[in-house]
PDB file of N, CA and C in Angstrom:
ATOM      1  N   UNK A   1       0.824  -1.188   0.052  1.00  0.00           N
ATOM      2  CA  UNK A   1       0.039  -0.147  -0.101  1.00  0.00           C
ATOM      3  C   UNK A   1       0.748   1.156  -0.052  1.00  0.00           C
ATOM      4  N   UNK A   2       0.482   2.150  -0.977  1.00  0.00           N
ATOM      5  CA  UNK A   2       1.053   3.269  -0.922  1.00  0.00           C
ATOM      6  C   UNK A   2      -0.158   4.786  -0.609  1.00  0.00           C
ATOM      7  N   UNK A   3       0.663   5.800  -0.107  1.00  0.00           N
ATOM      8  CA  UNK A   3       0.007   6.944   0.410  1.00  0.00           C
ATOM      9  C   UNK A   3       0.117   7.843  -1.320  1.00  0.00           C
ATOM     10  N   UNK A   4      -1.262   8.185  -1.754  1.00  0.00           N
ATOM     11  CA  UNK A   4      -1.547   9.041  -3.115  1.00  0.00           C
ATOM     12  C   UNK A   4      -2.056  10.306  -2.793  1.00  0.00           C
ATOM     13  N   UNK A   5      -1.810  11.102  -3.431  1.00  0.00           N
ATOM     14  CA  UNK A   5      -2.381  12.572  -3.234  1.00  0.00           C
ATOM     15  C   UNK A   5      -3.519  12.700  -4.434  1.00  0.00           C
ATOM     16  N   UNK A   6      -4.716  12.861  -3.847  1.00  0.00           N
ATOM     17  CA  UNK A   6      -5.737  12.927  -5.007  1.00  0.00           C
ATOM     18  C   UNK A   6      -5.871  14.467  -5.294  1.00  0.00           C
ATOM     19  N   UNK A   7      -6.849  14.552  -6.323  1.00  0.00           N
ATOM     20  CA  UNK A   7      -6.762  15.831  -7.070  1.00  0.00           C
ATOM     21  C   UNK A   7      -7.477  16.845  -6.137  1.00  0.00           C
ATOM     22  N   UNK A   8      -8.240  16.448  -4.868  1.00  0.00           N
ATOM     23  CA  UNK A   8      -8.650  17.373  -4.011  1.00  0.00           C
ATOM     24  C   UNK A   8      -7.856  17.726  -2.763  1.00  0.00           C
ATOM     25  N   UNK A   9      -6.732  17.101  -3.298  1.00  0.00           N
ATOM     26  CA  UNK A   9      -5.649  17.184  -2.133  1.00  0.00           C
ATOM     27  C   UNK A   9      -5.678  16.492  -0.756  1.00  0.00           C
ATOM     28  N   UNK A  10      -6.349  15.566  -0.848  1.00  0.00           N
ATOM     29  CA  UNK A  10      -6.473  14.443   0.101  1.00  0.00           C
ATOM     30  C   UNK A  10      -5.853  13.192  -0.116  1.00  0.00           C
ATOM     31  N   UNK A  11      -5.258  12.654   0.865  1.00  0.00           N
ATOM     32  CA  UNK A  11      -4.559  11.314   0.722  1.00  0.00           C
ATOM     33  C   UNK A  11      -5.350   9.997   0.928  1.00  0.00           C
ATOM     34  N   UNK A  12      -5.177   9.259   0.065  1.00  0.00           N
ATOM     35  CA  UNK A  12      -5.626   7.919   0.235  1.00  0.00           C
ATOM     36  C   UNK A  12      -4.389   6.852  -0.161  1.00  0.00           C
ATOM     37  N   UNK A  13      -4.770   5.791   0.635  1.00  0.00           N
ATOM     38  CA  UNK A  13      -3.900   4.090   0.188  1.00  0.00           C
ATOM     39  C   UNK A  13      -4.247   4.003  -1.085  1.00  0.00           C
ATOM     40  N   UNK A  14      -3.499   3.494  -1.832  1.00  0.00           N
ATOM     41  CA  UNK A  14      -3.363   2.669  -2.981  1.00  0.00           C
ATOM     42  C   UNK A  14      -2.619   1.407  -2.867  1.00  0.00           C
ATOM     43  N   UNK A  15      -3.412   0.740  -3.466  1.00  0.00           N
ATOM     44  CA  UNK A  15      -2.774  -1.161  -3.563  1.00  0.00           C
ATOM     45  C   UNK A  15      -2.008  -0.968  -4.922  1.00  0.00           C
ATOM     46  N   UNK A  16      -0.914  -1.753  -4.699  1.00  0.00           N
ATOM     47  CA  UNK A  16       0.153  -1.612  -5.710  1.00  0.00           C
ATOM     48  C   UNK A  16       0.482  -3.247  -5.839  1.00  0.00           C
ATOM     49  N   UNK A  17       0.736  -3.952  -6.976  1.00  0.00           N
ATOM     50  CA  UNK A  17       1.272  -5.136  -7.078  1.00  0.00           C
ATOM     51  C   UNK A  17       3.012  -5.446  -7.356  1.00  0.00           C
ATOM     52  N   UNK A  18       3.314  -4.126  -7.169  1.00  0.00           N
ATOM     53  CA  UNK A  18       4.886  -4.000  -7.243  1.00  0.00           C
ATOM     54  C   UNK A  18       5.904  -4.781  -6.144  1.00  0.00           C
ATOM     55  N   UNK A  19       6.787  -5.119  -6.476  1.00  0.00           N
ATOM     56  CA  UNK A  19       7.601  -6.011  -5.458  1.00  0.00           C
ATOM     57  C   UNK A  19       8.508  -5.167  -4.901  1.00  0.00           C
ATOM     58  N   UNK A  20       8.593  -3.745  -5.703  1.00  0.00           N
ATOM     59  CA  UNK A  20       9.454  -2.862  -5.051  1.00  0.00           C
ATOM     60  C   UNK A  20       8.607  -1.778  -4.217  1.00  0.00           C
ATOM     61  N   UNK A  21       7.432  -2.085  -3.842  1.00  0.00           N
ATOM     62  CA  UNK A  21       6.526  -1.107  -3.210  1.00  0.00           C
ATOM     63  C   UNK A  21       7.439  -0.502  -1.779  1.00  0.00           C
ATOM     64  N   UNK A  22       7.882  -1.483  -1.175  1.00  0.00           N
ATOM     65  CA  UNK A  22       8.581  -1.275   0.117  1.00  0.00           C
ATOM     66  C   UNK A  22       9.783  -0.532   0.261  1.00  0.00           C
ATOM     67  N   UNK A  23      10.380  -0.056  -0.797  1.00  0.00           N
ATOM     68  CA  UNK A  23      11.593   0.232  -1.215  1.00  0.00           C
ATOM     69  C   UNK A  23      11.207   1.860  -1.031  1.00  0.00           C
ATOM     70  N   UNK A  24      12.060   2.712  -0.203  1.00  0.00           N
ATOM     71  CA  UNK A  24      13.219   2.298   0.076  1.00  0.00           C
ATOM     72  C   UNK A  24      13.547   1.980   1.550  1.00  0.00           C
ATOM     73  N   UNK A  25      12.479   1.638   2.186  1.00  0.00           N
ATOM     74  CA  UNK A  25      12.319   0.932   3.689  1.00  0.00           C
ATOM     75  C   UNK A  25      12.961  -0.389   3.628  1.00  0.00           C
ATOM     76  N   UNK A  26      12.581  -1.195   2.579  1.00  0.00           N
ATOM     77  CA  UNK A  26      13.294  -2.486   2.458  1.00  0.00           C
ATOM     78  C   UNK A  26      13.973  -2.644   1.167  1.00  0.00           C
ATOM     79  N   UNK A  27      15.463  -2.426   1.503  1.00  0.00           N
ATOM     80  CA  UNK A  27      16.093  -2.686   0.071  1.00  0.00           C
ATOM     81  C   UNK A  27      16.530  -3.940  -0.320  1.00  0.00           C
ATOM     82  N   UNK A  28      15.780  -4.377  -1.675  1.00  0.00           N
ATOM     83  CA  UNK A  28      15.857  -5.523  -2.307  1.00  0.00           C
ATOM     84  C   UNK A  28      17.395  -6.163  -2.584  1.00  0.00           C
ATOM     85  N   UNK A  29      17.281  -7.517  -2.689  1.00  0.00           N
ATOM     86  CA  UNK A  29      18.626  -8.015  -2.992  1.00  0.00           C
ATOM     87  C   UNK A  29      18.660  -7.987  -4.619  1.00  0.00           C
ATOM     88  N   UNK A  30      19.423  -7.373  -5.162  1.00  0.00           N
ATOM     89  CA  UNK A  30      19.529  -7.361  -6.805  1.00  0.00           C
ATOM     90  C   UNK A  30      20.381  -8.343  -7.210  1.00  0.00           C
ATOM     91  N   UNK A  31      21.295  -9.117  -6.569  1.00  0.00           N
ATOM     92  CA  UNK A  31      22.174  -9.783  -7.168  1.00  0.00           C
ATOM     93  C   UNK A  31      21.623 -10.694  -8.221  1.00  0.00           C
ATOM     94  N   UNK A  32      20.673 -11.521  -8.084  1.00  0.00           N
ATOM     95  CA  UNK A  32      19.982 -12.334  -9.101  1.00  0.00           C
ATOM     96  C   UNK A  32      19.004 -11.527  -9.892  1.00  0.00           C
ATOM     97  N   UNK A  33      18.587 -10.282 -10.366  1.00  0.00           N
ATOM     98  CA  UNK A  33      17.762  -9.788 -11.177  1.00  0.00           C
ATOM     99  C   UNK A  33      18.426  -9.773 -12.410  1.00  0.00           C
ATOM    100  N   UNK A  34      17.515  -9.752 -13.326  1.00  0.00           N
ATOM    101  CA  UNK A  34      17.634  -9.845 -14.713  1.00  0.00           C
ATOM    102  C   UNK A  34      17.627  -8.452 -15.199  1.00  0.00           C
ATOM    103  N   UNK A  35      18.126  -8.268 -16.497  1.00  0.00           N
ATOM    104  CA  UNK A  35      18.090  -7.031 -17.279  1.00  0.00           C
ATOM    105  C   UNK A  35      16.794  -6.323 -16.995  1.00  0.00           C
ATOM    106  N   UNK A  36      15.857  -7.014 -17.325  1.00  0.00           N
ATOM    107  CA  UNK A  36      14.441  -6.502 -17.026  1.00  0.00           C
ATOM    108  C   UNK A  36      14.011  -6.148 -15.783  1.00  0.00           C
ATOM    109  N   UNK A  37      14.776  -6.913 -14.916  1.00  0.00           N
ATOM    110  CA  UNK A  37      14.247  -6.298 -13.225  1.00  0.00           C
ATOM    111  C   UNK A  37      14.813  -5.166 -13.154  1.00  0.00           C
ATOM    112  N   UNK A  38      16.268  -5.073 -13.537  1.00  0.00           N
ATOM    113  CA  UNK A  38      16.793  -3.735 -12.981  1.00  0.00           C
ATOM    114  C   UNK A  38      16.110  -2.373 -13.835  1.00  0.00           C
ATOM    115  N   UNK A  39      15.891  -2.482 -15.209  1.00  0.00           N
ATOM    116  CA  UNK A  39      15.105  -1.375 -16.146  1.00  0.00           C
ATOM    117  C   UNK A  39      13.748  -1.395 -15.273  1.00  0.00           C
ATOM    118  N   UNK A  40      12.962  -2.431 -14.691  1.00  0.00           N
ATOM    119  CA  UNK A  40      11.694  -2.139 -13.900  1.00  0.00           C
ATOM    120  C   UNK A  40      11.742  -1.617 -12.854  1.00  0.00           C
ATOM    121  N   UNK A  41      12.897  -1.880 -12.016  1.00  0.00           N
ATOM    122  CA  UNK A  41      13.109  -1.267 -10.579  1.00  0.00           C
ATOM    123  C   UNK A  41      13.225   0.313 -10.691  1.00  0.00           C
ATOM    124  N   UNK A  42      14.176   0.520 -11.620  1.00  0.00           N
ATOM    125  CA  UNK A  42      14.540   1.818 -11.834  1.00  0.00           C
ATOM    126  C   UNK A  42      13.149   2.764 -12.476  1.00  0.00           C
ATOM    127  N   UNK A  43      12.520   2.138 -13.189  1.00  0.00           N
ATOM    128  CA  UNK A  43      11.266   2.608 -13.660  1.00  0.00           C
ATOM    129  C   UNK A  43      10.122   3.139 -12.536  1.00  0.00           C
ATOM    130  N   UNK A  44      10.146   1.946 -11.779  1.00  0.00           N
ATOM    131  CA  UNK A  44       9.241   2.117 -10.537  1.00  0.00           C
ATOM    132  C   UNK A  44       9.424   3.103  -9.427  1.00  0.00           C
ATOM    133  N   UNK A  45      10.771   3.324  -9.326  1.00  0.00           N
ATOM    134  CA  UNK A  45      11.113   4.308  -8.441  1.00  0.00           C
ATOM    135  C   UNK A  45      11.471   5.764  -9.086  1.00  0.00           C
ATOM    136  N   UNK A  46      10.874   5.943 -10.128  1.00  0.00           N
ATOM    137  CA  UNK A  46      10.575   7.293 -10.820  1.00  0.00           C
ATOM    138  C   UNK A  46      11.586   7.820 -11.464  1.00  0.00           C
ATOM    139  N   UNK A  47      12.225   6.728 -12.455  1.00  0.00           N
ATOM    140  CA  UNK A  47      13.167   7.028 -13.630  1.00  0.00           C
ATOM    141  C   UNK A  47      12.731   6.336 -14.920  1.00  0.00           C
ATOM    142  N   UNK A  48      11.616   6.511 -15.283  1.00  0.00           N
ATOM    143  CA  UNK A  48      10.947   6.023 -16.440  1.00  0.00           C
ATOM    144  C   UNK A  48      11.772   6.250 -17.726  1.00  0.00           C
ATOM    145  N   UNK A  49      12.329   7.406 -17.706  1.00  0.00           N
ATOM    146  CA  UNK A  49      12.922   7.883 -19.128  1.00  0.00           C
ATOM    147  C   UNK A  49      14.464   7.405 -19.240  1.00  0.00           C
ATOM    148  N   UNK A  50      15.249   6.947 -18.068  1.00  0.00           N
ATOM    149  CA  UNK A  50      16.436   6.772 -18.094  1.00  0.00           C
ATOM    150  C   UNK A  50      16.657   5.155 -17.674  1.00  0.00           C
ATOM    151  N   UNK A  51      15.683   4.545 -17.308  1.00  0.00           N
ATOM    152  CA  UNK A  51      15.638   3.079 -17.127  1.00  0.00           C
ATOM    153  C   UNK A  51      16.038   2.162 -18.241  1.00  0.00           C
ATOM    154  N   UNK A  52      15.549   2.595 -19.515  1.00  0.00           N
ATOM    155  CA  UNK A  52      16.326   1.693 -20.811  1.00  0.00           C
ATOM    156  C   UNK A  52      17.480   1.629 -21.132  1.00  0.00           C
ATOM    157  N   UNK A  53      18.100   2.821 -20.387  1.00  0.00           N
ATOM    158  CA  UNK A  53      19.685   3.032 -20.550  1.00  0.00           C
ATOM    159  C   UNK A  53      20.207   1.786 -19.873  1.00  0.00           C
ATOM    160  N   UNK A  54      19.634   0.981 -18.812  1.00  0.00           N
ATOM    161  CA  UNK A  54      20.137   0.171 -18.572  1.00  0.00           C
ATOM    162  C   UNK A  54      20.021  -1.580 -19.059  1.00  0.00           C
ATOM    163  N   UNK A  55      18.856  -1.328 -19.931  1.00  0.00           N
ATOM    164  CA  UNK A  55      18.522  -2.165 -20.926  1.00  0.00           C
ATOM    165  C   UNK A  55      19.500  -2.065 -21.945  1.00  0.00           C
ATOM    166  N   UNK A  56      19.700  -1.081 -22.357  1.00  0.00           N
ATOM    167  CA  UNK A  56      20.435  -0.793 -23.716  1.00  0.00           C
ATOM    168  C   UNK A  56      22.023  -1.200 -23.379  1.00  0.00           C
ATOM    169  N   UNK A  57      22.341  -1.079 -22.305  1.00  0.00           N
ATOM    170  CA  UNK A  57      23.738  -1.355 -21.751  1.00  0.00           C
ATOM    171  C   UNK A  57      23.981  -2.988 -21.072  1.00  0.00           C
ATOM    172  N   UNK A  58      22.633  -3.675 -21.220  1.00  0.00           N
ATOM    173  CA  UNK A  58      22.785  -5.038 -20.779  1.00  0.00           C
ATOM    174  C   UNK A  58      23.239  -5.195 -19.372  1.00  0.00           C
ATOM    175  N   UNK A  59      22.728  -4.329 -18.144  1.00  0.00           N
ATOM    176  CA  UNK A  59      23.016  -4.289 -16.955  1.00  0.00           C
ATOM    177  C   UNK A  59      22.200  -5.073 -16.145  1.00  0.00           C
ATOM    178  N   UNK A  60      22.163  -6.385 -15.713  1.00  0.00           N
ATOM    179  CA  UNK A  60      21.846  -7.403 -14.674  1.00  0.00           C
ATOM    180  C   UNK A  60      22.028  -6.744 -13.468  1.00  0.00           C
ATOM    181  N   UNK A  61      21.292  -7.551 -12.638  1.00  0.00           N
ATOM    182  CA  UNK A  61      21.825  -7.117 -11.097  1.00  0.00           C
ATOM    183  C   UNK A  61      23.026  -7.291 -10.530  1.00  0.00           C
ATOM    184  N   UNK A  62      23.905  -8.451 -11.075  1.00  0.00           N
ATOM    185  CA  UNK A  62      25.138  -8.310 -10.702  1.00  0.00           C
ATOM    186  C   UNK A  62      26.093  -7.401 -11.185  1.00  0.00           C
ATOM    187  N   UNK A  63      25.697  -7.000 -12.495  1.00  0.00           N
ATOM    188  CA  UNK A  63      26.460  -5.872 -12.814  1.00  0.00           C
ATOM    189  C   UNK A  63      26.036  -4.424 -12.235  1.00  0.00           C
ATOM    190  N   UNK A  64      25.072  -4.429 -12.028  1.00  0.00           N
ATOM    191  CA  UNK A  64      24.708  -3.206 -11.157  1.00  0.00           C
ATOM    192  C   UNK A  64      25.052  -3.346  -9.915  1.00  0.00           C
ATOM    193  N   UNK A  65      25.471  -4.280  -9.317  1.00  0.00           N
ATOM    194  CA  UNK A  65      25.958  -3.931  -8.083  1.00  0.00           C
ATOM    195  C   UNK A  65      27.374  -3.956  -8.002  1.00  0.00           C
ATOM    196  N   UNK A  66      28.019  -4.112  -9.073  1.00  0.00           N
ATOM    197  CA  UNK A  66      29.606  -3.752  -9.347  1.00  0.00           C
ATOM    198  C   UNK A  66      29.752  -2.422 -10.061  1.00  0.00           C
ATOM    199  N   UNK A  67      28.365  -1.590  -9.919  1.00  0.00           N
ATOM    200  CA  UNK A  67      29.032  -0.269 -10.784  1.00  0.00           C
ATOM    201  C   UNK A  67      29.237   0.999  -9.888  1.00  0.00           C
ATOM    202  N   UNK A  68      30.310   1.594 -10.614  1.00  0.00           N
ATOM    203  CA  UNK A  68      30.798   3.054  -9.873  1.00  0.00           C
ATOM    204  C   UNK A  68      30.145   4.148 -10.355  1.00  0.00           C
ATOM    205  N   UNK A  69      30.633   5.019  -9.403  1.00  0.00           N
ATOM    206  CA  UNK A  69      30.167   6.245  -9.826  1.00  0.00           C
ATOM    207  C   UNK A  69      30.122   7.016 -11.240  1.00  0.00           C
ATOM    208  N   UNK A  70      31.424   6.742 -11.854  1.00  0.00           N
ATOM    209  CA  UNK A  70      31.554   7.104 -13.043  1.00  0.00           C
ATOM    210  C   UNK A  70      30.782   6.233 -14.375  1.00  0.00           C
ATOM    211  N   UNK A  71      30.525   4.885 -13.817  1.00  0.00           N
ATOM    212  CA  UNK A  71      29.633   3.980 -14.741  1.00  0.00           C
ATOM    213  C   UNK A  71      28.419   4.633 -14.843  1.00  0.00           C
ATOM    214  N   UNK A  72      27.980   5.299 -13.649  1.00  0.00           N
ATOM    215  CA  UNK A  72      26.507   5.647 -13.773  1.00  0.00           C
ATOM    216  C   UNK A  72      26.558   7.023 -14.586  1.00  0.00           C
ATOM    217  N   UNK A  73      27.374   8.202 -14.325  1.00  0.00           N
ATOM    218  CA  UNK A  73      27.459   9.427 -14.628  1.00  0.00           C
ATOM    219  C   UNK A  73      27.808   9.466 -16.244  1.00  0.00           C
ATOM    220  N   UNK A  74      28.580   8.545 -16.485  1.00  0.00           N
ATOM    221  CA  UNK A  74      29.087   8.584 -18.111  1.00  0.00           C
ATOM    222  C   UNK A  74      28.766   7.434 -18.612  1.00  0.00           C
ATOM    223  N   UNK A  75      28.670   6.243 -18.270  1.00  0.00           N
ATOM    224  CA  UNK A  75      28.464   5.209 -19.031  1.00  0.00           C
ATOM    225  C   UNK A  75      26.962   4.887 -19.267  1.00  0.00           C
ATOM    226  N   UNK A  76      26.200   5.408 -18.972  1.00  0.00           N
ATOM    227  CA  UNK A  76      24.793   5.116 -19.181  1.00  0.00           C
ATOM    228  C   UNK A  76      24.068   6.300 -20.318  1.00  0.00           C
ATOM    229  N   UNK A  77      24.969   7.533 -20.265  1.00  0.00           N
ATOM    230  CA  UNK A  77      24.647   8.566 -21.440  1.00  0.00           C
ATOM    231  C   UNK A  77      23.160   9.191 -21.129  1.00  0.00           C
ATOM    232  N   UNK A  78      23.137   9.537 -19.772  1.00  0.00           N
ATOM    233  CA  UNK A  78      21.978  10.397 -19.172  1.00  0.00           C
ATOM    234  C   UNK A  78      22.443  11.301 -18.568  1.00  0.00           C
ATOM    235  N   UNK A  79      21.381  12.388 -18.428  1.00  0.00           N
ATOM    236  CA  UNK A  79      21.874  13.539 -17.970  1.00  0.00           C
ATOM    237  C   UNK A  79      22.257  13.768 -16.539  1.00  0.00           C
ATOM    238  N   UNK A  80      23.027  14.506 -15.912  1.00  0.00           N
ATOM    239  CA  UNK A  80      23.805  14.727 -14.789  1.00  0.00           C
ATOM    240  C   UNK A  80      22.744  14.758 -13.538  1.00  0.00           C
ATOM    241  N   UNK A  81      21.844  15.295 -13.628  1.00  0.00           N
ATOM    242  CA  UNK A  81      20.984  15.403 -12.494  1.00  0.00           C
ATOM    243  C   UNK A  81      20.206  13.915 -12.135  1.00  0.00           C
ATOM    244  N   UNK A  82      19.691  13.501 -13.384  1.00  0.00           N
ATOM    245  CA  UNK A  82      19.039  11.987 -12.925  1.00  0.00           C
ATOM    246  C   UNK A  82      20.285  11.075 -12.420  1.00  0.00           C
ATOM    247  N   UNK A  83      21.218  11.073 -13.147  1.00  0.00           N
ATOM    248  CA  UNK A  83      22.293  10.382 -13.080  1.00  0.00           C
ATOM    249  C   UNK A  83      22.812  10.069 -11.475  1.00  0.00           C
ATOM    250  N   UNK A  84      23.093  11.357 -11.182  1.00  0.00           N
ATOM    251  CA  UNK A  84      23.328  11.666  -9.550  1.00  0.00           C
ATOM    252  C   UNK A  84      22.362  10.808  -8.565  1.00  0.00           C
ATOM    253  N   UNK A  85      20.929  11.243  -8.996  1.00  0.00           N
ATOM    254  CA  UNK A  85      20.012  10.403  -8.235  1.00  0.00           C
ATOM    255  C   UNK A  85      20.111   9.134  -8.396  1.00  0.00           C
ATOM    256  N   UNK A  86      20.286   8.558  -9.545  1.00  0.00           N
ATOM    257  CA  UNK A  86      20.313   7.181  -9.735  1.00  0.00           C
ATOM    258  C   UNK A  86      21.460   6.588  -9.287  1.00  0.00           C
ATOM    259  N   UNK A  87      22.608   7.024  -8.921  1.00  0.00           N
ATOM    260  CA  UNK A  87      23.756   6.502  -8.335  1.00  0.00           C
ATOM    261  C   UNK A  87      23.386   6.479  -6.950  1.00  0.00           C
ATOM    262  N   UNK A  88      22.628   7.439  -6.367  1.00  0.00           N
ATOM    263  CA  UNK A  88      22.418   7.151  -5.010  1.00  0.00           C
ATOM    264  C   UNK A  88      21.611   6.007  -4.676  1.00  0.00           C
ATOM    265  N   UNK A  89      20.524   5.775  -5.554  1.00  0.00           N
ATOM    266  CA  UNK A  89      19.722   4.084  -5.354  1.00  0.00           C
ATOM    267  C   UNK A  89      20.805   3.174  -5.869  1.00  0.00           C
ATOM    268  N   UNK A  90      21.664   3.178  -6.486  1.00  0.00           N
ATOM    269  CA  UNK A  90      22.772   2.012  -6.948  1.00  0.00           C
ATOM    270  C   UNK A  90      23.751   1.810  -5.604  1.00  0.00           C
ATOM    271  N   UNK A  91      24.002   2.946  -5.056  1.00  0.00           N
ATOM    272  CA  UNK A  91      24.658   2.749  -3.800  1.00  0.00           C
ATOM    273  C   UNK A  91      23.765   2.143  -2.612  1.00  0.00           C
ATOM    274  N   UNK A  92      22.717   2.639  -2.599  1.00  0.00           N
ATOM    275  CA  UNK A  92      21.812   1.906  -1.368  1.00  0.00           C
ATOM    276  C   UNK A  92      21.728   0.488  -1.656  1.00  0.00           C
ATOM    277  N   UNK A  93      21.455   0.065  -2.901  1.00  0.00           N
ATOM    278  CA  UNK A  93      21.381  -1.379  -3.515  1.00  0.00           C
ATOM    279  C   UNK A  93      22.603  -2.278  -3.149  1.00  0.00           C
ATOM    280  N   UNK A  94      23.947  -1.362  -3.536  1.00  0.00           N
ATOM    281  CA  UNK A  94      25.106  -2.126  -2.844  1.00  0.00           C
ATOM    282  C   UNK A  94      25.078  -2.045  -1.694  1.00  0.00           C
ATOM    283  N   UNK A  95      25.156  -1.293  -0.908  1.00  0.00           N
ATOM    284  CA  UNK A  95      25.100  -1.403   0.780  1.00  0.00           C
ATOM    285  C   UNK A  95      23.985  -1.646   1.456  1.00  0.00           C
ATOM    286  N   UNK A  96      23.076  -2.192   1.029  1.00  0.00           N
ATOM    287  CA  UNK A  96      21.825  -2.486   1.642  1.00  0.00           C
ATOM    288  C   UNK A  96      21.217  -1.641   2.705  1.00  0.00           C
ATOM    289  N   UNK A  97      21.573  -0.016   2.463  1.00  0.00           N
ATOM    290  CA  UNK A  97      21.189   0.819   3.501  1.00  0.00           C
ATOM    291  C   UNK A  97      19.701   1.249   3.227  1.00  0.00           C
ATOM    292  N   UNK A  98      19.157   1.857   4.355  1.00  0.00           N
ATOM    293  CA  UNK A  98      17.576   1.946   4.228  1.00  0.00           C
ATOM    294  C   UNK A  98      17.393   3.542   4.236  1.00  0.00           C
ATOM    295  N   UNK A  99      18.657   4.122   4.475  1.00  0.00           N
ATOM    296  CA  UNK A  99      18.242   5.972   4.466  1.00  0.00           C
ATOM    297  C   UNK A  99      19.014   6.457   3.388  1.00  0.00           C
ATOM    298  N   UNK A 100      19.102   7.541   3.332  1.00  0.00           N
ATOM    299  CA  UNK A 100      19.843   8.218   2.113  1.00  0.00           C
ATOM    300  C   UNK A 100      21.104   8.843   2.686  1.00  0.00           C
ATOM    301  N   UNK A 101      21.588   8.517   3.714  1.00  0.00           N
ATOM    302  CA  UNK A 101      22.847   9.207   4.494  1.00  0.00           C
ATOM    303  C   UNK A 101      23.768   8.139   3.992  1.00  0.00           C
ATOM    304  N   UNK A 102      24.783   8.023   3.057  1.00  0.00           N
ATOM    305  CA  UNK A 102      25.565   7.126   2.916  1.00  0.00           C
ATOM    306  C   UNK A 102      26.973   7.641   3.441  1.00  0.00           C
ATOM    307  N   UNK A 103      27.521   6.731   3.443  1.00  0.00           N
ATOM    308  CA  UNK A 103      29.203   6.972   4.298  1.00  0.00           C
ATOM    309  C   UNK A 103      30.061   6.946   2.824  1.00  0.00           C
TER     310      UNK A 103
END
């Protein structure tokens, strides 16, 4: 269940069938993800325009967990702003952290 803002500015719960629904509170284990899983993850967490870059570069879960900052910022050919945000998610997956304070 997720909270959703309605047009009348009220909040309601929305049911979702996404296996990434609990992220970022529950960090998924990405090591066995397929290329399609990686693309779906980034689509569902708010990067639908950038997610296809992971498919184009054939990045599966194991590859994702080995990515460095430079790989995300330059290797995916996406704009710097989204690339930095995506990198924070990659680091969270790598470290299994549940908050945005990365060491």
